[in-house]
Amino acid sequence: MSGCYDGGGYKNNGSQFVLIVVLFILLIIVGASFMGY
């Protein structure tokens, strides 16, 4: 059970990392267009 939870946590962590990167890129694009770049 502990190992299964660990595997799920690792997967979830990777998915969260991708989501954060996508949001960060969107933030840069929105910020750049807002600043006039």
PDB file of N, CA and C in Angstrom:
ATOM      1  N   MET A   1       0.843  -1.199   0.000  1.00  0.00           N
ATOM      2  CA  MET A   1       0.000   0.000   0.000  1.00  0.00           C
ATOM      3  C   MET A   1       0.881   1.253   0.000  1.00  0.00           C
ATOM      4  N   SER A   2       1.914   1.217   0.830  1.00  0.00           N
ATOM      5  CA  SER A   2       2.806   2.373   0.902  1.00  0.00           C
ATOM      6  C   SER A   2       3.499   2.598  -0.443  1.00  0.00           C
ATOM      7  N   GLY A   3       3.950   1.486  -1.059  1.00  0.00           N
ATOM      8  CA  GLY A   3       4.624   1.609  -2.351  1.00  0.00           C
ATOM      9  C   GLY A   3       3.675   2.118  -3.419  1.00  0.00           C
ATOM     10  N   CYS A   4       2.424   1.643  -3.372  1.00  0.00           N
ATOM     11  CA  CYS A   4       1.432   2.073  -4.359  1.00  0.00           C
ATOM     12  C   CYS A   4       1.181   3.577  -4.213  1.00  0.00           C
ATOM     13  N   TYR A   5       1.050   4.019  -2.961  1.00  0.00           N
ATOM     14  CA  TYR A   5       0.813   5.439  -2.696  1.00  0.00           C
ATOM     15  C   TYR A   5       2.007   6.272  -3.182  1.00  0.00           C
ATOM     16  N   ASP A   6       3.221   5.733  -2.950  1.00  0.00           N
ATOM     17  CA  ASP A   6       4.433   6.435  -3.356  1.00  0.00           C
ATOM     18  C   ASP A   6       4.451   6.618  -4.872  1.00  0.00           C
ATOM     19  N   GLY A   7       4.072   5.534  -5.601  1.00  0.00           N
ATOM     20  CA  GLY A   7       4.056   5.619  -7.064  1.00  0.00           C
ATOM     21  C   GLY A   7       3.032   6.644  -7.535  1.00  0.00           C
ATOM     22  N   GLY A   8       1.842   6.630  -6.917  1.00  0.00           N
ATOM     23  CA  GLY A   8       0.811   7.588  -7.297  1.00  0.00           C
ATOM     24  C   GLY A   8       1.260   9.015  -6.995  1.00  0.00           C
ATOM     25  N   GLY A   9       1.916   9.203  -5.837  1.00  0.00           N
ATOM     26  CA  GLY A   9       2.389  10.537  -5.470  1.00  0.00           C
ATOM     27  C   GLY A   9       3.421  11.044  -6.457  1.00  0.00           C
ATOM     28  N   TYR A  10       4.298  10.132  -6.927  1.00  0.00           N
ATOM     29  CA  TYR A  10       5.330  10.532  -7.883  1.00  0.00           C
ATOM     30  C   TYR A  10       4.683  10.962  -9.192  1.00  0.00           C
ATOM     31  N   LYS A  11       3.690  10.191  -9.632  1.00  0.00           N
ATOM     32  CA  LYS A  11       2.990  10.521 -10.882  1.00  0.00           C
ATOM     33  C   LYS A  11       2.284  11.867 -10.739  1.00  0.00           C
ATOM     34  N   ASN A  12       1.576  12.033  -9.625  1.00  0.00           N
ATOM     35  CA  ASN A  12       0.830  13.266  -9.393  1.00  0.00           C
ATOM     36  C   ASN A  12       1.782  14.460  -9.359  1.00  0.00           C
ATOM     37  N   ASN A  13       2.938  14.277  -8.736  1.00  0.00           N
ATOM     38  CA  ASN A  13       3.919  15.352  -8.638  1.00  0.00           C
ATOM     39  C   ASN A  13       4.387  15.771 -10.029  1.00  0.00           C
ATOM     40  N   GLY A  14       4.653  14.781 -10.902  1.00  0.00           N
ATOM     41  CA  GLY A  14       5.093  15.091 -12.256  1.00  0.00           C
ATOM     42  C   GLY A  14       4.017  15.847 -13.021  1.00  0.00           C
ATOM     43  N   SER A  15       2.769  15.440 -12.844  1.00  0.00           N
ATOM     44  CA  SER A  15       1.657  16.101 -13.524  1.00  0.00           C
ATOM     45  C   SER A  15       1.520  17.535 -13.033  1.00  0.00           C
ATOM     46  N   GLN A  16       1.689  17.739 -11.728  1.00  0.00           N
ATOM     47  CA  GLN A  16       1.617  19.094 -11.169  1.00  0.00           C
ATOM     48  C   GLN A  16       2.749  19.957 -11.725  1.00  0.00           C
ATOM     49  N   PHE A  17       3.935  19.367 -11.903  1.00  0.00           N
ATOM     50  CA  PHE A  17       5.080  20.110 -12.427  1.00  0.00           C
ATOM     51  C   PHE A  17       4.778  20.603 -13.838  1.00  0.00           C
ATOM     52  N   VAL A  18       4.184  19.727 -14.665  1.00  0.00           N
ATOM     53  CA  VAL A  18       3.828  20.110 -16.042  1.00  0.00           C
ATOM     54  C   VAL A  18       2.808  21.243 -16.009  1.00  0.00           C
ATOM     55  N   LEU A  19       1.820  21.128 -15.118  1.00  0.00           N
ATOM     56  CA  LEU A  19       0.782  22.157 -15.012  1.00  0.00           C
ATOM     57  C   LEU A  19       1.395  23.495 -14.613  1.00  0.00           C
ATOM     58  N   ILE A  20       2.334  23.477 -13.672  1.00  0.00           N
ATOM     59  CA  ILE A  20       2.987  24.712 -13.223  1.00  0.00           C
ATOM     60  C   ILE A  20       3.786  25.337 -14.368  1.00  0.00           C
ATOM     61  N   VAL A  21       4.493  24.499 -15.146  1.00  0.00           N
ATOM     62  CA  VAL A  21       5.286  25.008 -16.271  1.00  0.00           C
ATOM     63  C   VAL A  21       4.373  25.648 -17.309  1.00  0.00           C
ATOM     64  N   VAL A  22       3.246  24.990 -17.616  1.00  0.00           N
ATOM     65  CA  VAL A  22       2.304  25.536 -18.604  1.00  0.00           C
ATOM     66  C   VAL A  22       1.741  26.869 -18.114  1.00  0.00           C
ATOM     67  N   LEU A  23       1.358  26.927 -16.845  1.00  0.00           N
ATOM     68  CA  LEU A  23       0.818  28.167 -16.292  1.00  0.00           C
ATOM     69  C   LEU A  23       1.877  29.268 -16.307  1.00  0.00           C
ATOM     70  N   PHE A  24       3.128  28.904 -16.026  1.00  0.00           N
ATOM     71  CA  PHE A  24       4.217  29.877 -16.021  1.00  0.00           C
ATOM     72  C   PHE A  24       4.428  30.454 -17.416  1.00  0.00           C
ATOM     73  N   ILE A  25       4.397  29.579 -18.444  1.00  0.00           N
ATOM     74  CA  ILE A  25       4.567  30.031 -19.831  1.00  0.00           C
ATOM     75  C   ILE A  25       3.406  30.943 -20.224  1.00  0.00           C
ATOM     76  N   LEU A  26       2.188  30.560 -19.847  1.00  0.00           N
ATOM     77  CA  LEU A  26       1.024  31.396 -20.161  1.00  0.00           C
ATOM     78  C   LEU A  26       1.161  32.751 -19.476  1.00  0.00           C
ATOM     79  N   LEU A  27       1.651  32.757 -18.240  1.00  0.00           N
ATOM     80  CA  LEU A  27       1.828  34.004 -17.501  1.00  0.00           C
ATOM     81  C   LEU A  27       2.824  34.911 -18.218  1.00  0.00           C
ATOM     82  N   ILE A  28       3.915  34.328 -18.735  1.00  0.00           N
ATOM     83  CA  ILE A  28       4.922  35.102 -19.464  1.00  0.00           C
ATOM     84  C   ILE A  28       4.316  35.685 -20.738  1.00  0.00           C
ATOM     85  N   ILE A  29       3.549  34.869 -21.475  1.00  0.00           N
ATOM     86  CA  ILE A  29       2.944  35.334 -22.735  1.00  0.00           C
ATOM     87  C   ILE A  29       1.964  36.473 -22.455  1.00  0.00           C
ATOM     88  N   VAL A  30       1.107  36.283 -21.450  1.00  0.00           N
ATOM     89  CA  VAL A  30       0.124  37.322 -21.109  1.00  0.00           C
ATOM     90  C   VAL A  30       0.838  38.582 -20.625  1.00  0.00           C
ATOM     91  N   GLY A  31       1.848  38.408 -19.782  1.00  0.00           N
ATOM     92  CA  GLY A  31       2.595  39.557 -19.275  1.00  0.00           C
ATOM     93  C   GLY A  31       3.307  40.303 -20.395  1.00  0.00           C
ATOM     94  N   ALA A  32       3.895  39.559 -21.329  1.00  0.00           N
ATOM     95  CA  ALA A  32       4.616  40.181 -22.443  1.00  0.00           C
ATOM     96  C   ALA A  32       3.657  40.976 -23.322  1.00  0.00           C
ATOM     97  N   SER A  33       2.508  40.397 -23.647  1.00  0.00           N
ATOM     98  CA  SER A  33       1.548  41.103 -24.499  1.00  0.00           C
ATOM     99  C   SER A  33       0.982  42.310 -23.752  1.00  0.00           C
ATOM    100  N   PHE A  34       0.820  42.194 -22.440  1.00  0.00           N
ATOM    101  CA  PHE A  34       0.304  43.298 -21.630  1.00  0.00           C
ATOM    102  C   PHE A  34       1.319  44.439 -21.575  1.00  0.00           C
ATOM    103  N   MET A  35       2.607  44.100 -21.520  1.00  0.00           N
ATOM    104  CA  MET A  35       3.651  45.112 -21.458  1.00  0.00           C
ATOM    105  C   MET A  35       3.900  45.749 -22.821  1.00  0.00           C
ATOM    106  N   GLY A  36       3.397  45.139 -23.877  1.00  0.00           N
ATOM    107  CA  GLY A  36       3.548  45.726 -25.205  1.00  0.00           C
ATOM    108  C   GLY A  36       4.622  45.056 -26.042  1.00  0.00           C
ATOM    109  N   TYR A  37       5.195  43.925 -25.577  1.00  0.00           N
ATOM    110  CA  TYR A  37       6.174  43.202 -26.382  1.00  0.00           C
ATOM    111  C   TYR A  37       5.441  42.427 -27.476  1.00  0.00           C
TER     112      TYR A  37
END
